[in-house]
Structures are given as structure tokens and as C-alpha cells.
């Protein structure tokens, strides 16, 4: 219904002030358009869900204020959604036969609402996005244990910085641009270090790899007699992109493989959800599918369709449904937004 990619393209990333203004200018139209496309009036809506964190507070506040206003004006249940939980729960959205049903009168029978979740608890989740890189043990709604996180940059951030280094368009995120360029390159052509090779835990680090990519690109600049990596020939840039992507994903495979081993042994978990914007990457999907299938006892892997991996309104709506199904909601009046929002500070099972 609305996108800000074109707004931020020229700046090489999201500009908070411009994002806030775009939210303010479009939110009323987007709400009305969504209702029209669903052939509904606001009175027909069962509940209001809105993301309250973590994220840019000045942007979150625009949506939160609108959600609070609607919930209080029309007496609707209200859910303040945790952005990361929303990503994780996209792995549980019902099968396409329900999502694609155009008959607004047909509903999922109550006795099938749980059975048709794509993935049941417990499961392991790899959350990879522009701002986060985590491995979580998912035991239920609001029940998540982080067993691995980034020590510095996220995977998505490393993709964005590599894209900017090579002069690629990043309005829609650096990830898709690097992924496309990498198709033309040799992933073994540029030698780059795999991060944290000697640490036997599940944490991530991409700051060192980011620096190594920059140094490798600068070395190529000297060899080619150009001033900046942006001026490198297409083949060189493609090789840098492919080599970066290969090593970045090898790092994921190593850390995630260790987490899978632990989760299987300690909790009997054998399913993996890959979520977040970077989960839309085709090469990552292929490699993690192989990681699951090659285990002594193969794991099941579920990745949402690419359009549901990146940030979008459907994820907040679905997270609100999941919360409401277990009797969890929030009080609209006075709801705040949070730049940082640890899972331990979000909702409880008995909150209502």
C-alpha cells in the first residue's frame, strides 16, 4: 500500500526525519485503503495491532498514536506488537490456501486455527535483518530464549555497507543489490576471513568481515588504477560481492549448526524458522536448506515467502492475532514506543 524506498534511495539508507514525515503524510490514506481492499469498515475490524518497538521512536510513534486512537475511539482490543516477535511468528502463518482465499465470508474453523499453523512450537529461529542477527529458541507466544546474537554489526547491516562500498543502489536495502551482483561473481576469488572461527559459541560478528571487504576492495583499486571501489570493473565488484556473501553465510552455517546441535540434544527440537529481511536471500535459503537436510536426523526448515520476510504491515497484524489467541493484549491508553525493547520486557502470558 505504501513504500519509502524511493525516498531514501538518494541518501543511501533510511533518514529518520524523512521516514517520520512520510509516515505522517500517508498513514490515514493507508488505513483507509487497507479497509477498502478488504471490503470492510473500521467497525468490522476485530482488534488493532501496531508495532511499538524496537525501532526508530519518531517513526513508531506515528503508527502507535494512530493505533491507539482507533482502538479507543471504536472500543477495539489493542495489541502493542514486538517487532522481532512479529518476524518470528510469520513462520507460523497459516497455509496459502487460507491466505489466498478471496471469500471474505469463509473463515478458518475454530478447531483448525491451531492445526493449520505452518510451524508448531517449539522451534529454533534464525532472525537475520538490517538491525538484528539472532538465534532464538522459541517455546511459545512470548517465550523466547536468545542463544546467539551479534557482537557488533548485523548480517543485514554488513550487506548494506558492502553495497554502499561498491556503489550499489540501496533504496530497497543493500541485501538484494549485493545478492544480484554476486550472481556474476566467483565466491572463492577474494580471500576473506570467517569471523569467530575459534569461539565455540553461537554469537555472530560482522565488523571484522566488513573491514576485510573494504581492504580487499581497496587493494583491487590499486591494482586496477582507480580511485574508489565504485569505479572498479563489474567483474571485480561481482567477485567482491560473491566472496563477501559466501563468507557471511558460512559464518551463519557454523554458528547455526552449533545451535541446532544443542537444541536437538537439550530440547528435542528439529525444526528451523528463518525469518527477517535477509531470509529473502535465495542463496541463504539454499544453503540453510542443505544444512538441515544433511544432518544425521534431518531438520524441517520453514522460510516465509520473500514478500513476508521484509518489514510489512501483515507481520504486525499476524502477531496481534497470535497474541489475542492466547488471551494476551495491552491497554491502548498510554501505550509507549521503545527504541530498544528486549524480549524480557515485552508481554507476559497472563497480561490482558
Protein backbone atom coordinates (compact mmCIF):
# COMPACT_ATOMS: atom_id res chain seq x y z
CA UNK A 1 0.00 0.00 0.00
CA UNK A 2 2.96 2.32 0.59
CA UNK A 3 6.75 2.21 0.30
CA UNK A 4 9.54 4.64 1.18
CA UNK A 5 12.28 3.05 -0.94
CA UNK A 6 12.33 5.89 -3.45
CA UNK A 7 12.52 8.50 -0.69
CA UNK A 8 15.66 7.05 0.90
CA UNK A 9 17.44 5.82 -2.26
CA UNK A 10 19.41 9.02 -2.85
CA UNK A 11 20.64 9.08 0.76
CA UNK A 12 22.00 5.52 0.79
CA UNK A 13 19.85 4.48 3.75
CA UNK A 14 16.90 5.42 5.93
CA UNK A 15 16.75 9.08 7.01
CA UNK A 16 14.66 9.15 10.23
CA UNK A 17 13.15 12.61 9.71
CA UNK A 18 12.08 11.85 6.16
CA UNK A 19 10.67 8.49 7.25
CA UNK A 20 8.61 10.14 10.00
CA UNK A 21 7.20 12.72 7.60
CA UNK A 22 6.29 10.04 5.05
CA UNK A 23 4.52 8.06 7.77
CA UNK A 24 2.51 11.11 8.82
CA UNK A 25 1.57 12.01 5.26
CA UNK A 26 0.42 8.51 4.32
CA UNK A 27 -0.96 6.76 7.39
CA UNK A 28 -4.58 7.88 7.08
CA UNK A 29 -4.65 7.00 3.39
CA UNK A 30 -3.04 3.61 4.01
CA UNK A 31 -5.54 2.71 6.73
CA UNK A 32 -8.46 3.68 4.51
CA UNK A 33 -7.01 1.88 1.51
CA UNK A 34 -6.46 -1.31 3.52
CA UNK A 35 -10.07 -1.28 4.68
CA UNK A 36 -11.32 -0.72 1.13
CA UNK A 37 -9.22 -3.57 -0.28
CA UNK A 38 -10.56 -5.86 2.45
CA UNK A 39 -14.13 -4.67 1.71
CA UNK A 40 -14.53 -3.67 5.35
CA UNK A 41 -15.41 -0.70 7.54
CA UNK A 42 -13.42 0.11 10.66
CA UNK A 43 -16.37 -1.16 12.72
CA UNK A 44 -15.86 -4.62 11.19
CA UNK A 45 -12.27 -4.89 12.47
CA UNK A 46 -11.89 -7.23 15.46
CA UNK A 47 -8.77 -5.68 17.00
CA UNK A 48 -5.95 -3.19 16.45
CA UNK A 49 -2.31 -4.28 16.39
CA UNK A 50 0.62 -1.90 16.00
CA UNK A 51 4.40 -2.23 16.31
CA UNK A 52 5.73 -0.45 19.40
CA UNK A 53 9.42 -1.44 19.26
CA UNK A 54 12.26 -1.90 18.86
CA UNK A 55 12.93 0.70 16.17
CA UNK A 56 13.08 4.41 15.40
CA UNK A 57 10.89 6.03 18.05
CA UNK A 58 9.84 9.03 15.95
CA UNK A 59 8.52 6.68 13.27
CA UNK A 60 6.99 4.11 15.61
CA UNK A 61 5.12 6.87 17.42
CA UNK A 62 3.19 7.83 14.28
CA UNK A 63 1.77 4.32 13.91
CA UNK A 64 1.29 3.81 17.64
CA UNK A 65 -0.66 7.04 18.03
CA UNK A 66 -2.93 6.11 15.13
CA UNK A 67 -3.49 2.61 16.50
CA UNK A 68 -4.27 3.92 19.97
CA UNK A 69 -6.67 6.48 18.51
CA UNK A 70 -8.61 3.85 16.55
CA UNK A 71 -8.70 1.33 19.41
CA UNK A 72 -10.00 3.89 21.90
CA UNK A 73 -12.46 5.55 19.50
CA UNK A 74 -14.06 2.30 18.36
CA UNK A 75 -13.60 0.24 21.53
CA UNK A 76 -11.34 -2.39 19.94
CA UNK A 77 -8.89 -4.71 21.71
CA UNK A 78 -5.35 -3.35 21.34
CA UNK A 79 -2.03 -5.19 20.95
CA UNK A 80 1.36 -3.48 21.11
CA UNK A 81 3.47 -5.71 18.89
CA UNK A 82 7.15 -6.57 19.43
CA UNK A 83 8.82 -6.15 16.04
CA UNK A 84 11.14 -9.16 16.40
CA UNK A 85 8.38 -11.43 17.65
CA UNK A 86 6.35 -10.39 14.61
CA UNK A 87 9.16 -11.58 12.33
CA UNK A 88 9.38 -14.90 14.17
CA UNK A 89 5.64 -15.52 14.10
CA UNK A 90 5.50 -15.09 10.32
CA UNK A 91 6.83 -18.67 10.24
CA UNK A 92 3.54 -19.79 11.81
CA UNK A 93 1.11 -18.01 9.49
CA UNK A 94 -1.48 -20.47 8.09
CA UNK A 95 -1.07 -22.19 4.77
CA UNK A 96 -1.58 -20.36 1.48
CA UNK A 97 -4.98 -21.97 0.92
CA UNK A 98 -6.33 -19.71 3.69
CA UNK A 99 -4.20 -16.66 2.90
CA UNK A 100 -5.30 -16.63 -0.76
CA UNK A 101 -8.99 -17.15 -0.08
CA UNK A 102 -10.89 -14.20 -1.56
CA UNK A 103 -14.19 -15.18 0.03
CA UNK A 104 -14.41 -12.78 2.97
CA UNK A 105 -17.28 -14.78 4.47
CA UNK A 106 -15.29 -18.03 4.77
CA UNK A 107 -13.31 -18.35 7.97
CA UNK A 108 -10.98 -20.97 9.42
CA UNK A 109 -12.98 -23.20 11.79
CA UNK A 110 -12.01 -22.77 15.44
CA UNK A 111 -10.83 -26.36 15.73
CA UNK A 112 -8.44 -25.83 12.79
CA UNK A 113 -6.95 -22.49 13.80
CA UNK A 114 -4.01 -24.07 15.63
CA UNK A 115 -3.65 -27.16 13.46
CA UNK A 116 -3.09 -25.07 10.34
CA UNK A 117 -0.16 -23.11 11.71
CA UNK A 118 2.76 -23.70 9.35
CA UNK A 119 5.08 -24.41 12.29
CA UNK A 120 4.29 -25.50 15.83
CA UNK A 121 6.25 -24.72 18.98
CA UNK A 122 8.95 -25.45 19.98
CA UNK A 123 11.32 -24.49 17.16
CA UNK A 124 14.62 -22.74 16.56
CA UNK A 125 14.57 -19.39 14.77
CA UNK A 126 17.32 -17.60 12.88
CA UNK A 127 16.39 -13.91 12.72
CA UNK A 128 18.51 -12.03 10.19
CA UNK A 129 17.65 -8.46 9.25
CA UNK A 130 19.08 -4.99 8.81
CA UNK A 131 19.17 -4.38 12.55
CA UNK A 132 19.32 -7.81 14.15
CA UNK A 133 21.11 -11.14 13.90
CA UNK A 134 19.94 -13.67 16.48
CA UNK A 135 19.34 -17.37 17.07
CA UNK A 136 16.39 -17.97 19.37
CA UNK A 137 14.77 -20.95 21.00
CA UNK A 138 11.01 -20.40 20.55
CA UNK A 139 8.86 -22.22 23.11
CA UNK A 140 5.55 -20.34 22.82
CA UNK A 141 3.97 -16.92 22.36
CA UNK A 142 6.15 -14.55 24.40
CA UNK A 143 8.52 -17.39 25.36
CA UNK A 144 11.86 -16.88 23.60
CA UNK A 145 15.41 -17.54 24.69
CA UNK A 146 18.23 -15.85 22.77
CA UNK A 147 21.10 -18.33 22.43
CA UNK A 148 23.17 -16.31 19.97
CA UNK A 149 23.38 -12.67 18.94
CA UNK A 150 25.67 -10.25 17.15
CA UNK A 151 28.62 -8.71 18.97
CA UNK A 152 28.65 -5.75 16.58
CA UNK A 153 27.06 -5.42 13.12
CA UNK A 154 24.05 -7.43 11.97
CA UNK A 155 24.13 -9.50 8.78
CA UNK A 156 21.78 -7.08 7.03
CA UNK A 157 23.93 -4.13 8.09
CA UNK A 158 27.02 -5.84 6.64
CA UNK A 159 25.16 -6.31 3.35
CA UNK A 160 24.13 -2.64 3.34
CA UNK A 161 27.69 -1.43 3.99
CA UNK A 162 29.10 -3.69 1.29
CA UNK A 163 26.51 -2.37 -1.15
CA UNK A 164 27.43 1.23 -0.36
CA UNK A 165 31.15 0.43 -0.66
CA UNK A 166 30.58 -0.90 -4.18
CA UNK A 167 28.29 1.98 -5.18
CA UNK A 168 25.16 -0.16 -5.49
CA UNK A 169 21.58 1.18 -5.09
CA UNK A 170 20.37 0.68 -1.52
CA UNK A 171 16.94 2.28 -1.52
CA UNK A 172 15.32 -1.15 -1.27
CA UNK A 173 18.08 -2.39 1.03
CA UNK A 174 21.65 -3.34 0.22
CA UNK A 175 20.93 -7.06 0.50
CA UNK A 176 19.04 -7.51 -2.78
CA UNK A 177 21.63 -5.39 -4.63
CA UNK A 178 24.58 -7.44 -3.34
CA UNK A 179 22.73 -10.72 -3.96
CA UNK A 180 22.04 -9.77 -7.58
CA UNK A 181 25.63 -8.65 -8.22
CA UNK A 182 27.04 -11.79 -6.56
CA UNK A 183 25.38 -13.94 -9.23
CA UNK A 184 28.00 -12.65 -11.69
CA UNK A 185 30.96 -13.29 -9.37
CA UNK A 186 33.23 -16.07 -8.14
CA UNK A 187 32.67 -16.67 -4.40
CA UNK A 188 36.19 -18.07 -3.99
CA UNK A 189 38.01 -15.27 -5.86
CA UNK A 190 38.64 -12.93 -2.91
CA UNK A 191 40.10 -14.41 0.29
CA UNK A 192 38.18 -13.21 3.34
CA UNK A 193 38.32 -14.42 6.97
CA UNK A 194 35.41 -16.33 8.51
CA UNK A 195 34.58 -14.47 11.75
CA UNK A 196 34.96 -16.01 15.23
CA UNK A 197 36.45 -19.28 13.98
CA UNK A 198 37.96 -20.05 17.38
CA UNK A 199 34.92 -19.17 19.54
CA UNK A 200 32.78 -22.18 20.38
CA UNK A 201 29.51 -20.34 20.94
CA UNK A 202 26.58 -19.21 18.81
CA UNK A 203 27.31 -15.47 18.59
CA UNK A 204 27.93 -13.52 15.38
CA UNK A 205 30.34 -10.77 14.37
CA UNK A 206 30.43 -8.93 11.05
CA UNK A 207 32.53 -5.84 11.83
CA UNK A 208 35.80 -7.60 11.01
CA UNK A 209 34.44 -9.06 7.77
CA UNK A 210 33.16 -5.62 6.76
CA UNK A 211 36.67 -4.20 7.26
CA UNK A 212 38.24 -7.11 5.35
CA UNK A 213 35.91 -6.47 2.40
CA UNK A 214 36.87 -2.80 2.34
CA UNK A 215 40.59 -3.60 2.42
CA UNK A 216 40.20 -6.19 -0.35
CA UNK A 217 38.31 -3.69 -2.49
CA UNK A 218 40.93 -1.00 -1.86
CA UNK A 219 43.68 -3.44 -2.89
CA UNK A 220 41.83 -4.09 -6.14
CA UNK A 221 41.58 -0.32 -6.68
CA UNK A 222 45.37 -0.03 -6.51
CA UNK A 223 45.80 -2.94 -8.92
CA UNK A 224 43.29 -1.50 -11.39
CA UNK A 225 44.45 2.10 -11.06
CA UNK A 226 41.10 3.51 -9.90
CA UNK A 227 40.36 5.84 -7.01
CA UNK A 228 37.38 4.16 -5.33
CA UNK A 229 35.69 0.72 -5.26
CA UNK A 230 32.72 2.25 -7.10
CA UNK A 231 34.99 2.66 -10.15
CA UNK A 232 36.10 -0.98 -10.23
CA UNK A 233 35.13 -3.08 -13.28
CA UNK A 234 31.88 -5.03 -12.98
CA UNK A 235 33.75 -8.36 -12.72
CA UNK A 236 35.81 -7.19 -9.74
CA UNK A 237 32.78 -5.80 -7.93
CA UNK A 238 30.86 -9.01 -8.60
CA UNK A 239 33.74 -11.08 -7.22
CA UNK A 240 33.89 -8.95 -4.07
CA UNK A 241 30.11 -9.28 -3.61
CA UNK A 242 30.12 -13.03 -4.17
CA UNK A 243 33.08 -13.62 -1.85
CA UNK A 244 31.54 -11.47 0.89
CA UNK A 245 28.20 -13.26 0.63
CA UNK A 246 29.86 -16.69 0.67
CA UNK A 247 31.87 -15.99 3.84
CA UNK A 248 28.99 -14.17 5.55
CA UNK A 249 26.76 -17.19 5.03
CA UNK A 250 29.48 -19.66 6.02
CA UNK A 251 29.63 -17.80 9.34
CA UNK A 252 25.87 -18.31 9.71
CA UNK A 253 26.15 -22.02 8.87
CA UNK A 254 28.81 -22.60 11.54
CA UNK A 255 27.04 -20.72 14.34
CA UNK A 256 23.59 -22.05 13.46
CA UNK A 257 24.86 -25.62 13.13
CA UNK A 258 26.19 -25.43 16.69
CA UNK A 259 22.86 -24.06 17.94
CA UNK A 260 20.92 -26.81 16.14
CA UNK A 261 23.07 -29.46 17.76
CA UNK A 262 22.38 -28.04 21.20
CA UNK A 263 18.64 -27.53 20.62
CA UNK A 264 18.19 -31.07 19.35
CA UNK A 265 20.08 -32.60 22.26
CA UNK A 266 18.64 -30.47 25.07
CA UNK A 267 15.06 -29.85 23.87
CA UNK A 268 14.36 -32.36 21.11
CA UNK A 269 13.86 -29.52 18.63
CA UNK A 270 14.05 -30.46 14.95
CA UNK A 271 12.52 -27.52 13.09
CA UNK A 272 14.08 -24.23 11.98
CA UNK A 273 12.41 -20.96 11.04
CA UNK A 274 14.48 -18.48 9.03
CA UNK A 275 12.95 -15.00 9.28
CA UNK A 276 13.76 -11.33 8.76
CA UNK A 277 14.67 -9.37 5.66
CA UNK A 278 17.85 -11.29 4.83
CA UNK A 279 15.81 -14.53 4.83
CA UNK A 280 14.56 -13.41 1.40
CA UNK A 281 18.05 -14.14 0.01
CA UNK A 282 17.81 -17.15 -2.31
CA UNK A 283 21.39 -18.31 -1.71
CA UNK A 284 20.93 -18.23 2.08
CA UNK A 285 17.73 -20.28 1.76
CA UNK A 286 19.51 -22.84 -0.42
CA UNK A 287 22.47 -23.23 1.92
CA UNK A 288 20.41 -23.47 5.09
CA UNK A 289 18.10 -25.99 3.45
CA UNK A 290 21.20 -28.08 2.80
CA UNK A 291 22.35 -27.61 6.40
CA UNK A 292 19.01 -29.02 7.62
CA UNK A 293 18.87 -31.93 5.19
CA UNK A 294 22.48 -33.02 5.74
CA UNK A 295 22.06 -33.63 9.47
CA UNK A 296 22.08 -37.21 10.76
CA UNK A 297 18.44 -36.65 11.66
CA UNK A 298 17.26 -34.10 9.04
CA UNK A 299 15.50 -30.96 10.25
CA UNK A 300 12.43 -29.34 8.76
CA UNK A 301 13.03 -25.74 7.64
CA UNK A 302 10.40 -23.10 7.03
CA UNK A 303 11.02 -19.67 5.47
CA UNK A 304 8.17 -17.24 4.76
CA UNK A 305 7.71 -16.10 1.14
CA UNK A 306 10.16 -13.27 0.32
CA UNK A 307 7.39 -10.65 0.42
CA UNK A 308 6.68 -11.66 4.04
CA UNK A 309 10.35 -11.65 5.13
CA UNK A 310 10.93 -7.92 4.86
CA UNK A 311 9.17 -5.40 7.10
CA UNK A 312 5.48 -5.03 6.23
CA UNK A 313 2.17 -4.44 7.96
CA UNK A 314 0.96 -8.05 7.71
CA UNK A 315 3.55 -9.20 10.24
CA UNK A 316 2.20 -6.86 12.92
CA UNK A 317 -1.37 -7.93 12.17
CA UNK A 318 -0.49 -11.61 12.40
CA UNK A 319 1.48 -11.14 15.64
CA UNK A 320 -1.58 -9.41 17.12
CA UNK A 321 -3.75 -12.39 16.11
CA UNK A 322 -1.31 -14.79 17.78
CA UNK A 323 -1.30 -12.73 20.98
CA UNK A 324 -5.07 -12.47 21.09
CA UNK A 325 -5.46 -16.23 20.53
CA UNK A 326 -3.68 -16.86 23.85
CA UNK A 327 -5.62 -14.11 25.66
CA UNK A 328 -2.83 -11.53 25.63
CA UNK A 329 -3.47 -7.86 24.85
CA UNK A 330 -2.50 -4.38 26.04
CA UNK A 331 -4.14 -1.18 27.24
CA UNK A 332 -4.23 1.33 24.38
CA UNK A 333 -4.28 4.44 26.54
CA UNK A 334 -0.75 5.47 27.47
CA UNK A 335 1.00 2.88 25.28
CA UNK A 336 4.58 3.97 24.63
CA UNK A 337 7.09 3.08 21.91
CA UNK A 338 10.62 1.77 22.51
CA UNK A 339 13.86 2.22 20.61
CA UNK A 340 15.18 -0.81 22.50
CA UNK A 341 12.74 -3.49 23.52
CA UNK A 342 14.26 -6.70 24.97
CA UNK A 343 12.02 -9.75 24.85
CA UNK A 344 12.17 -9.92 28.64
CA UNK A 345 10.48 -6.50 28.79
CA UNK A 346 7.61 -7.36 26.45
CA UNK A 347 4.29 -9.03 27.21
CA UNK A 348 3.63 -11.82 29.70
CA UNK A 349 1.40 -14.82 29.11
CA UNK A 350 -1.20 -13.63 31.62
CA UNK A 351 -1.19 -9.97 30.55
CA UNK A 352 -4.56 -8.75 29.45
